[in-house]
Amino acid sequence: MEGQKYEVHPDKTWVRDDSLPLLAQTVQELDQYFSGKPVSFSAPLQFQGSDFQKHTWQLLAKIPYGKTITYAEIARLLGDPGAVRNVGSVIGMNPISVIVPCHRVIASNGKLTGYNGGLVRKQLLLDLESGKLQLAL
């Protein structure tokens, strides 16, 4: 997502090839998502990072469309209820926003916090998933 603190930039050897089946499938799934239809992204993911980061991102990828979970719940699922701040930090470094839905993680009090794409974007994505928002594509 453009403008993120940890925005990923391909290296200079990267070449875009729209004919790749995996890329075409991902584009189709993103189009479906942004048209407001529930989607389970099918791209195989290979997270790069520490074991804690990888486990956190794997949990994020399992949060169902239109559902939310708290940072504290993620920490408990990871087996370390005291790791809420670490969970928040790792979620903030998520390199694949939307596909790995970090926007679905909220504070224990139900408020929106900590989204590298900005809280306005986080709210828009949650509104899209709840049906409160329709995008003209």
Foldseek 3Di string as FASTA:
>chain_A
DPQFPQADDDDPVDDDDCVDPLNVLQVVQVVCLQQLHFDQRDRDDDDDDDPVLVLLLVVLSPQGQLAAEELQVSCVVVVHSVCSVVSLVSLSNDHDDPNSPSLRYDHPVPHRDRHRVDPVVSVVSSCSSVVVDGDDD
